[in-house]
């Protein structure tokens, strides 16, 4: 039994999988940066967990979804499910400007400042919350577990956003 053709096919599949995952990879946010959000008057700080945020209502939340020019099904789902979450659960906050959404192609030069600010290196969803004048950059890498399950994606994002704007 000749295994060379099977090993070659397996090797090619592993390479293709690695390339496709690299296109959807997420970057780690910087630990400290200068704010470019006009609503923040203090510093900008990255947090890895929402428990690190001050116990206060956000005065503004910006939902920022970065993607590459060529997008896979998971990337398209992430944008669609994010829009659905905002429309279904936060329409009043979006209308008032408390919550805003930016969908940005990270490969376009006009988005370079925000790509640098968030240290985005692939498709990624961030929440930028202004709390007590300071901006907190909150990555959401867990959403990638739910891009094939709309209910879990929407529920996870809804809970995170609600924790930032409750009482508003």
N, C-alpha and C. Protein backbone atom coordinates (compact mmCIF):
# COMPACT_ATOMS: atom_id res chain seq x y z
N UNK A 1 0.84 -1.18 0.00
CA UNK A 1 0.00 0.00 0.00
C UNK A 1 0.88 1.25 0.00
N UNK A 2 0.70 2.11 -0.97
CA UNK A 2 1.53 3.31 -1.12
C UNK A 2 0.89 4.46 -0.36
N UNK A 3 1.56 4.97 0.69
CA UNK A 3 1.05 6.04 1.54
C UNK A 3 1.46 7.43 1.05
N UNK A 4 2.40 7.52 0.11
CA UNK A 4 2.90 8.82 -0.32
C UNK A 4 1.79 9.74 -0.85
N UNK A 5 0.87 9.28 -1.71
CA UNK A 5 -0.18 10.19 -2.18
C UNK A 5 -1.09 10.66 -1.04
N UNK A 6 -1.40 9.77 -0.11
CA UNK A 6 -2.27 10.14 1.02
C UNK A 6 -1.58 11.14 1.93
N UNK A 7 -0.31 10.94 2.18
CA UNK A 7 0.45 11.87 3.03
C UNK A 7 0.55 13.23 2.34
N UNK A 8 0.76 13.22 1.04
CA UNK A 8 0.82 14.48 0.28
C UNK A 8 -0.49 15.24 0.35
N UNK A 9 -1.60 14.56 0.22
CA UNK A 9 -2.93 15.21 0.30
C UNK A 9 -3.15 15.74 1.70
N UNK A 10 -2.82 14.96 2.71
CA UNK A 10 -2.97 15.40 4.10
C UNK A 10 -2.11 16.63 4.36
N UNK A 11 -0.88 16.62 3.89
CA UNK A 11 0.01 17.78 4.06
C UNK A 11 -0.58 19.02 3.40
N UNK A 12 -1.12 18.88 2.19
CA UNK A 12 -1.72 20.01 1.48
C UNK A 12 -2.93 20.55 2.24
N UNK A 13 -3.74 19.66 2.80
CA UNK A 13 -4.90 20.10 3.57
C UNK A 13 -4.48 20.86 4.83
N UNK A 14 -3.45 20.39 5.50
CA UNK A 14 -2.95 21.08 6.69
C UNK A 14 -2.45 22.48 6.32
N UNK A 15 -1.73 22.60 5.23
CA UNK A 15 -1.23 23.91 4.77
C UNK A 15 -2.39 24.84 4.46
N UNK A 16 -3.39 24.35 3.73
CA UNK A 16 -4.56 25.18 3.39
C UNK A 16 -5.31 25.62 4.64
N UNK A 17 -5.47 24.73 5.60
CA UNK A 17 -6.14 25.08 6.84
C UNK A 17 -5.36 26.17 7.58
N UNK A 18 -4.06 26.03 7.63
CA UNK A 18 -3.22 27.04 8.29
C UNK A 18 -3.33 28.39 7.62
N UNK A 19 -3.36 28.42 6.31
CA UNK A 19 -3.49 29.69 5.58
C UNK A 19 -4.84 30.32 5.85
N UNK A 20 -5.90 29.53 5.82
CA UNK A 20 -7.23 30.10 6.04
C UNK A 20 -7.40 30.61 7.45
N UNK A 21 -6.86 29.91 8.44
CA UNK A 21 -6.96 30.39 9.81
C UNK A 21 -6.13 31.64 10.04
N UNK A 22 -5.00 31.75 9.36
CA UNK A 22 -4.18 32.96 9.51
C UNK A 22 -4.93 34.19 9.03
N UNK A 23 -5.77 34.05 8.04
CA UNK A 23 -6.55 35.18 7.53
C UNK A 23 -7.61 35.64 8.49
N UNK A 24 -8.03 34.78 9.39
CA UNK A 24 -9.07 35.12 10.35
C UNK A 24 -8.51 35.31 11.74
N UNK A 25 -7.21 35.32 11.89
CA UNK A 25 -6.60 35.43 13.21
C UNK A 25 -6.90 36.76 13.86
N UNK A 26 -6.84 36.77 15.19
CA UNK A 26 -7.07 38.00 15.93
C UNK A 26 -5.78 38.44 16.58
N UNK A 27 -5.61 39.73 16.73
CA UNK A 27 -4.43 40.27 17.38
C UNK A 27 -4.72 40.56 18.83
N UNK A 28 -3.68 40.80 19.60
CA UNK A 28 -3.85 41.18 20.98
C UNK A 28 -3.80 42.69 21.07
N UNK A 29 -4.70 43.31 21.84
CA UNK A 29 -4.71 44.75 21.95
C UNK A 29 -3.50 45.25 22.72
N UNK A 30 -3.09 46.49 22.46
CA UNK A 30 -1.96 47.05 23.18
C UNK A 30 -2.32 47.28 24.65
N UNK A 31 -1.31 47.35 25.51
CA UNK A 31 -1.59 47.57 26.92
C UNK A 31 -1.87 49.03 27.23
N UNK A 32 -1.33 49.96 26.49
CA UNK A 32 -1.57 51.38 26.71
C UNK A 32 -1.36 52.11 25.39
N UNK A 33 -2.23 53.04 25.08
CA UNK A 33 -2.12 53.79 23.84
C UNK A 33 -2.77 55.15 24.02
N UNK A 34 -2.53 56.04 23.10
CA UNK A 34 -3.19 57.33 23.13
C UNK A 34 -4.56 57.20 22.49
N UNK A 35 -5.55 57.82 23.08
CA UNK A 35 -6.91 57.68 22.59
C UNK A 35 -7.12 58.42 21.28
N UNK A 36 -7.93 57.86 20.40
CA UNK A 36 -8.37 58.57 19.20
C UNK A 36 -9.88 58.72 19.22
N UNK A 37 -10.51 58.31 20.33
CA UNK A 37 -11.95 58.46 20.50
C UNK A 37 -12.20 59.84 21.08
N UNK A 38 -12.90 60.68 20.34
CA UNK A 38 -13.12 62.07 20.75
C UNK A 38 -13.94 62.16 22.03
N UNK A 39 -14.70 61.13 22.39
CA UNK A 39 -15.52 61.18 23.59
C UNK A 39 -14.74 60.84 24.85
N UNK A 40 -13.54 60.30 24.72
CA UNK A 40 -12.71 59.99 25.87
C UNK A 40 -11.78 61.16 26.14
N UNK A 41 -11.76 61.61 27.39
CA UNK A 41 -10.90 62.74 27.75
C UNK A 41 -9.67 62.29 28.54
N UNK A 42 -9.66 61.07 29.01
CA UNK A 42 -8.55 60.54 29.79
C UNK A 42 -7.68 59.63 28.96
N UNK A 43 -7.24 58.56 29.57
CA UNK A 43 -6.33 57.62 28.91
C UNK A 43 -7.11 56.49 28.24
N UNK A 44 -6.40 55.74 27.43
CA UNK A 44 -6.95 54.55 26.80
C UNK A 44 -6.19 53.36 27.36
N UNK A 45 -6.94 52.35 27.76
CA UNK A 45 -6.35 51.18 28.39
C UNK A 45 -7.02 49.92 27.86
N UNK A 46 -6.25 48.89 27.63
CA UNK A 46 -6.79 47.60 27.22
C UNK A 46 -7.10 46.76 28.43
N UNK A 47 -8.19 46.02 28.34
CA UNK A 47 -8.53 45.07 29.39
C UNK A 47 -8.78 43.72 28.73
N UNK A 48 -8.43 42.67 29.43
CA UNK A 48 -8.64 41.33 28.89
C UNK A 48 -9.95 40.73 29.33
N UNK A 49 -10.55 41.30 30.36
CA UNK A 49 -11.78 40.76 30.91
C UNK A 49 -12.67 41.91 31.38
N UNK A 50 -13.96 41.75 31.21
CA UNK A 50 -14.88 42.81 31.58
C UNK A 50 -14.88 43.08 33.09
N UNK A 51 -14.42 42.13 33.88
CA UNK A 51 -14.35 42.33 35.33
C UNK A 51 -13.31 43.39 35.69
N UNK A 52 -12.42 43.73 34.76
CA UNK A 52 -11.40 44.75 35.00
C UNK A 52 -11.93 46.16 34.81
N UNK A 53 -13.15 46.29 34.29
CA UNK A 53 -13.72 47.62 34.03
C UNK A 53 -14.24 48.25 35.32
N UNK A 54 -14.20 49.58 35.41
CA UNK A 54 -14.80 50.24 36.57
C UNK A 54 -16.30 49.92 36.64
N UNK A 55 -16.84 49.89 37.83
CA UNK A 55 -18.25 49.59 38.03
C UNK A 55 -19.08 50.86 37.81
N UNK A 56 -19.18 51.27 36.57
CA UNK A 56 -19.95 52.47 36.21
C UNK A 56 -20.49 52.27 34.80
N UNK A 57 -21.53 53.00 34.48
CA UNK A 57 -22.14 52.91 33.15
C UNK A 57 -21.28 53.65 32.14
N UNK A 58 -21.13 53.07 30.97
CA UNK A 58 -20.36 53.70 29.89
C UNK A 58 -21.13 54.89 29.33
N UNK A 59 -20.41 55.96 29.03
CA UNK A 59 -21.04 57.12 28.39
C UNK A 59 -21.07 56.95 26.88
N UNK A 60 -20.28 56.02 26.35
CA UNK A 60 -20.29 55.71 24.93
C UNK A 60 -19.64 54.34 24.73
N UNK A 61 -20.23 53.56 23.84
CA UNK A 61 -19.65 52.26 23.48
C UNK A 61 -19.56 52.20 21.97
N UNK A 62 -18.37 51.92 21.50
CA UNK A 62 -18.15 51.76 20.07
C UNK A 62 -17.86 50.28 19.81
N UNK A 63 -18.67 49.69 18.96
CA UNK A 63 -18.48 48.30 18.55
C UNK A 63 -17.68 48.37 17.26
N UNK A 64 -16.51 47.76 17.26
CA UNK A 64 -15.62 47.85 16.11
C UNK A 64 -15.32 46.44 15.63
N UNK A 65 -15.68 46.19 14.38
CA UNK A 65 -15.42 44.88 13.78
C UNK A 65 -14.41 45.07 12.65
N UNK A 66 -13.24 44.48 12.82
CA UNK A 66 -12.20 44.51 11.79
C UNK A 66 -12.30 43.24 10.96
N UNK A 67 -12.07 43.38 9.66
CA UNK A 67 -12.04 42.22 8.79
C UNK A 67 -11.00 42.46 7.70
N UNK A 68 -10.61 41.41 7.04
CA UNK A 68 -9.71 41.51 5.89
C UNK A 68 -10.55 41.69 4.64
N UNK A 69 -9.91 42.04 3.54
CA UNK A 69 -10.62 42.26 2.28
C UNK A 69 -11.31 40.99 1.79
N UNK A 70 -10.66 39.86 1.93
CA UNK A 70 -11.25 38.59 1.56
C UNK A 70 -11.79 37.97 2.83
N UNK A 71 -13.09 37.65 2.82
CA UNK A 71 -13.75 37.22 4.05
C UNK A 71 -14.33 35.82 3.93
N UNK A 72 -14.20 35.06 5.00
CA UNK A 72 -14.75 33.71 5.06
C UNK A 72 -16.18 33.76 5.62
N UNK A 73 -16.83 32.63 5.67
CA UNK A 73 -18.21 32.57 6.18
C UNK A 73 -18.28 33.01 7.64
N UNK A 74 -17.32 32.60 8.46
CA UNK A 74 -17.32 32.99 9.87
C UNK A 74 -17.20 34.51 10.02
N UNK A 75 -16.37 35.13 9.19
CA UNK A 75 -16.21 36.59 9.24
C UNK A 75 -17.49 37.30 8.84
N UNK A 76 -18.15 36.80 7.83
CA UNK A 76 -19.42 37.39 7.40
C UNK A 76 -20.49 37.19 8.47
N UNK A 77 -20.53 36.02 9.09
CA UNK A 77 -21.48 35.78 10.17
C UNK A 77 -21.23 36.72 11.34
N UNK A 78 -19.96 36.94 11.69
CA UNK A 78 -19.65 37.83 12.80
C UNK A 78 -20.23 39.22 12.57
N UNK A 79 -20.07 39.74 11.37
CA UNK A 79 -20.64 41.07 11.08
C UNK A 79 -22.17 41.02 11.12
N UNK A 80 -22.77 40.05 10.47
CA UNK A 80 -24.23 39.96 10.43
C UNK A 80 -24.83 39.78 11.82
N UNK A 81 -24.24 38.92 12.64
CA UNK A 81 -24.76 38.69 13.98
C UNK A 81 -24.56 39.91 14.88
N UNK A 82 -23.47 40.63 14.68
CA UNK A 82 -23.25 41.86 15.44
C UNK A 82 -24.32 42.88 15.10
N UNK A 83 -24.57 43.07 13.81
CA UNK A 83 -25.63 44.00 13.39
C UNK A 83 -26.98 43.58 13.94
N UNK A 84 -27.27 42.29 13.90
CA UNK A 84 -28.55 41.81 14.42
C UNK A 84 -28.68 42.08 15.92
N UNK A 85 -27.61 41.87 16.67
CA UNK A 85 -27.63 42.13 18.11
C UNK A 85 -27.96 43.59 18.38
N UNK A 86 -27.31 44.48 17.66
CA UNK A 86 -27.55 45.91 17.86
C UNK A 86 -28.97 46.29 17.47
N UNK A 87 -29.46 45.78 16.36
CA UNK A 87 -30.80 46.11 15.89
C UNK A 87 -31.87 45.56 16.82
N UNK A 88 -31.70 44.33 17.25
CA UNK A 88 -32.73 43.67 18.06
C UNK A 88 -32.76 44.16 19.51
N UNK A 89 -31.59 44.36 20.12
CA UNK A 89 -31.54 44.63 21.56
C UNK A 89 -31.12 46.04 21.94
N UNK A 90 -30.50 46.77 21.02
CA UNK A 90 -29.95 48.07 21.40
C UNK A 90 -30.33 49.18 20.41
N UNK A 91 -31.48 49.06 19.78
CA UNK A 91 -31.90 50.04 18.77
C UNK A 91 -31.97 51.45 19.36
N UNK A 92 -32.51 51.59 20.57
CA UNK A 92 -32.61 52.92 21.19
C UNK A 92 -31.24 53.52 21.48
N UNK A 93 -30.31 52.68 21.96
CA UNK A 93 -28.96 53.17 22.27
C UNK A 93 -28.20 53.52 21.00
N UNK A 94 -28.44 52.78 19.93
CA UNK A 94 -27.81 53.11 18.64
C UNK A 94 -28.40 54.42 18.11
N UNK A 95 -29.71 54.56 18.20
CA UNK A 95 -30.38 55.78 17.71
C UNK A 95 -29.90 57.01 18.47
N UNK A 96 -29.68 56.87 19.77
CA UNK A 96 -29.24 58.02 20.58
C UNK A 96 -27.75 58.30 20.43
N UNK A 97 -26.99 57.37 19.83
CA UNK A 97 -25.55 57.55 19.68
C UNK A 97 -24.75 56.99 20.84
N UNK A 98 -25.42 56.40 21.83
CA UNK A 98 -24.70 55.80 22.95
C UNK A 98 -23.84 54.63 22.46
N UNK A 99 -24.39 53.87 21.51
CA UNK A 99 -23.65 52.77 20.91
C UNK A 99 -23.49 53.05 19.42
N UNK A 100 -22.28 52.90 18.93
CA UNK A 100 -22.02 53.06 17.50
C UNK A 100 -21.32 51.80 16.99
N UNK A 101 -21.42 51.59 15.69
CA UNK A 101 -20.78 50.43 15.05
C UNK A 101 -19.90 50.91 13.92
N UNK A 102 -18.70 50.36 13.89
CA UNK A 102 -17.81 50.55 12.76
C UNK A 102 -17.39 49.18 12.24
N UNK A 103 -17.55 48.97 10.94
CA UNK A 103 -17.08 47.76 10.28
C UNK A 103 -15.97 48.21 9.35
N UNK A 104 -14.75 47.74 9.63
CA UNK A 104 -13.57 48.27 8.95
C UNK A 104 -12.75 47.18 8.27
N UNK A 105 -12.42 47.41 7.02
CA UNK A 105 -11.48 46.56 6.30
C UNK A 105 -10.09 46.98 6.77
N UNK A 106 -9.45 46.11 7.52
CA UNK A 106 -8.16 46.46 8.12
C UNK A 106 -7.04 46.62 7.10
N UNK A 107 -7.28 46.20 5.86
CA UNK A 107 -6.26 46.30 4.83
C UNK A 107 -6.31 47.63 4.08
N UNK A 108 -7.30 48.45 4.34
CA UNK A 108 -7.41 49.75 3.67
C UNK A 108 -6.60 50.79 4.44
N UNK A 109 -5.84 51.60 3.73
CA UNK A 109 -4.97 52.60 4.38
C UNK A 109 -5.73 53.58 5.28
N UNK A 110 -6.96 53.92 4.93
CA UNK A 110 -7.72 54.89 5.74
C UNK A 110 -8.09 54.35 7.12
N UNK A 111 -7.93 53.05 7.34
CA UNK A 111 -8.24 52.46 8.64
C UNK A 111 -7.00 52.17 9.47
N UNK A 112 -5.85 52.61 8.98
CA UNK A 112 -4.57 52.28 9.62
C UNK A 112 -4.48 52.75 11.07
N UNK A 113 -5.01 53.93 11.39
CA UNK A 113 -4.92 54.45 12.76
C UNK A 113 -5.67 53.54 13.75
N UNK A 114 -6.86 53.10 13.36
CA UNK A 114 -7.61 52.23 14.26
C UNK A 114 -7.02 50.82 14.32
N UNK A 115 -6.49 50.34 13.20
CA UNK A 115 -5.82 49.03 13.21
C UNK A 115 -4.65 49.08 14.19
N UNK A 116 -3.90 50.16 14.16
CA UNK A 116 -2.77 50.31 15.07
C UNK A 116 -3.24 50.46 16.52
N UNK A 117 -4.26 51.27 16.72
CA UNK A 117 -4.78 51.50 18.07
C UNK A 117 -5.18 50.19 18.74
N UNK A 118 -5.87 49.33 18.00
CA UNK A 118 -6.35 48.07 18.55
C UNK A 118 -5.37 46.92 18.35
N UNK A 119 -4.29 47.18 17.63
CA UNK A 119 -3.30 46.16 17.32
C UNK A 119 -3.96 44.97 16.63
N UNK A 120 -4.90 45.28 15.74
CA UNK A 120 -5.65 44.25 15.03
C UNK A 120 -4.76 43.61 13.96
N UNK A 121 -4.79 42.30 13.91
CA UNK A 121 -3.98 41.60 12.91
C UNK A 121 -4.82 40.64 12.08
N UNK A 122 -6.09 40.66 12.27
CA UNK A 122 -7.01 39.81 11.52
C UNK A 122 -8.42 40.16 11.91
N UNK A 123 -9.36 39.35 11.52
CA UNK A 123 -10.74 39.61 11.88
C UNK A 123 -10.87 39.62 13.39
N UNK A 124 -11.51 40.67 13.91
CA UNK A 124 -11.62 40.82 15.36
C UNK A 124 -12.78 41.74 15.70
N UNK A 125 -13.41 41.47 16.83
CA UNK A 125 -14.49 42.31 17.34
C UNK A 125 -14.05 42.92 18.66
N UNK A 126 -14.11 44.23 18.75
CA UNK A 126 -13.73 44.95 19.96
C UNK A 126 -14.90 45.80 20.42
N UNK A 127 -14.97 46.02 21.72
CA UNK A 127 -15.85 47.01 22.29
C UNK A 127 -14.95 48.07 22.90
N UNK A 128 -15.16 49.30 22.51
CA UNK A 128 -14.42 50.43 23.07
C UNK A 128 -15.42 51.19 23.95
N UNK A 129 -15.21 51.12 25.25
CA UNK A 129 -16.15 51.74 26.20
C UNK A 129 -15.50 52.95 26.87
N UNK A 130 -16.21 54.07 26.85
CA UNK A 130 -15.77 55.26 27.56
C UNK A 130 -16.50 55.27 28.91
N UNK A 131 -15.71 55.13 29.98
CA UNK A 131 -16.25 55.09 31.33
C UNK A 131 -15.49 56.10 32.16
N UNK A 132 -16.22 57.06 32.72
CA UNK A 132 -15.63 58.11 33.54
C UNK A 132 -14.49 58.83 32.81
N UNK A 133 -14.68 59.05 31.51
CA UNK A 133 -13.73 59.79 30.70
C UNK A 133 -12.58 58.99 30.14
N UNK A 134 -12.40 57.77 30.61
CA UNK A 134 -11.32 56.91 30.13
C UNK A 134 -11.87 55.89 29.15
N UNK A 135 -11.05 55.56 28.16
CA UNK A 135 -11.46 54.59 27.15
C UNK A 135 -10.85 53.24 27.48
N UNK A 136 -11.69 52.20 27.41
CA UNK A 136 -11.26 50.83 27.67
C UNK A 136 -11.49 50.01 26.42
N UNK A 137 -10.43 49.38 25.93
CA UNK A 137 -10.50 48.54 24.73
C UNK A 137 -10.71 47.10 25.18
N UNK A 138 -11.82 46.53 24.76
CA UNK A 138 -12.20 45.20 25.21
C UNK A 138 -12.25 44.24 24.02
N UNK A 139 -11.27 43.37 23.87
CA UNK A 139 -11.33 42.38 22.79
C UNK A 139 -12.39 41.33 23.11
N UNK A 140 -12.90 40.70 22.08
CA UNK A 140 -13.93 39.67 22.24
C UNK A 140 -13.57 38.43 21.43
N UNK A 141 -12.47 37.78 21.77
CA UNK A 141 -12.05 36.63 20.98
C UNK A 141 -13.00 35.44 21.09
N UNK A 142 -13.80 35.38 22.15
CA UNK A 142 -14.70 34.25 22.34
C UNK A 142 -15.82 34.19 21.31
N UNK A 143 -16.10 35.28 20.62
CA UNK A 143 -17.17 35.26 19.63
C UNK A 143 -16.88 34.28 18.50
N UNK A 144 -15.60 33.99 18.27
CA UNK A 144 -15.25 33.08 17.17
C UNK A 144 -15.70 31.65 17.45
N UNK A 145 -15.98 31.34 18.71
CA UNK A 145 -16.54 30.03 19.03
C UNK A 145 -18.00 29.92 18.60
N UNK A 146 -18.63 31.07 18.34
CA UNK A 146 -20.08 31.10 18.11
C UNK A 146 -20.48 31.55 16.71
N UNK A 147 -19.56 31.68 15.79
CA UNK A 147 -19.93 32.19 14.47
C UNK A 147 -20.78 31.20 13.68
N UNK A 148 -20.84 29.96 14.14
CA UNK A 148 -21.72 29.00 13.49
C UNK A 148 -23.00 28.78 14.29
N UNK A 149 -23.17 29.55 15.38
CA UNK A 149 -24.36 29.45 16.21
C UNK A 149 -24.86 30.87 16.52
N UNK A 150 -25.78 31.34 15.71
CA UNK A 150 -26.26 32.72 15.85
C UNK A 150 -26.81 33.01 17.25
N UNK A 151 -27.55 32.09 17.81
CA UNK A 151 -28.14 32.32 19.13
C UNK A 151 -27.05 32.60 20.17
N UNK A 152 -26.02 31.76 20.23
CA UNK A 152 -24.95 31.95 21.23
C UNK A 152 -24.15 33.22 20.96
N UNK A 153 -23.88 33.52 19.70
CA UNK A 153 -23.15 34.74 19.36
C UNK A 153 -23.92 35.95 19.84
N UNK A 154 -25.19 36.04 19.45
CA UNK A 154 -26.02 37.20 19.79
C UNK A 154 -26.16 37.31 21.31
N UNK A 155 -26.41 36.20 21.97
CA UNK A 155 -26.59 36.23 23.43
C UNK A 155 -25.31 36.68 24.14
N UNK A 156 -24.16 36.19 23.70
CA UNK A 156 -22.89 36.57 24.32
C UNK A 156 -22.63 38.06 24.14
N UNK A 157 -22.80 38.57 22.92
CA UNK A 157 -22.56 39.99 22.66
C UNK A 157 -23.59 40.85 23.39
N UNK A 158 -24.83 40.42 23.42
CA UNK A 158 -25.89 41.18 24.11
C UNK A 158 -25.55 41.35 25.58
N UNK A 159 -25.12 40.29 26.23
CA UNK A 159 -24.77 40.37 27.66
C UNK A 159 -23.61 41.32 27.89
N UNK A 160 -22.61 41.28 27.03
CA UNK A 160 -21.46 42.17 27.20
C UNK A 160 -21.86 43.62 27.03
N UNK A 161 -22.64 43.90 25.99
CA UNK A 161 -23.08 45.28 25.77
C UNK A 161 -24.00 45.75 26.90
N UNK A 162 -24.90 44.89 27.35
CA UNK A 162 -25.80 45.27 28.42
C UNK A 162 -25.03 45.61 29.70
N UNK A 163 -23.95 44.88 29.96
CA UNK A 163 -23.15 45.16 31.16
C UNK A 163 -22.50 46.54 31.09
N UNK A 164 -22.30 47.05 29.88
CA UNK A 164 -21.67 48.37 29.73
C UNK A 164 -22.67 49.52 29.76
N UNK A 165 -23.88 49.26 29.31
CA UNK A 165 -24.86 50.37 29.19
C UNK A 165 -26.05 50.23 30.11
N UNK A 166 -26.07 49.26 31.01
CA UNK A 166 -27.24 49.11 31.88
C UNK A 166 -27.45 50.38 32.69
N UNK A 167 -28.71 50.71 32.82
CA UNK A 167 -29.07 51.94 33.51
C UNK A 167 -29.15 53.13 32.60
N UNK A 168 -28.80 52.94 31.30
CA UNK A 168 -28.87 54.07 30.38
C UNK A 168 -30.20 54.11 29.69
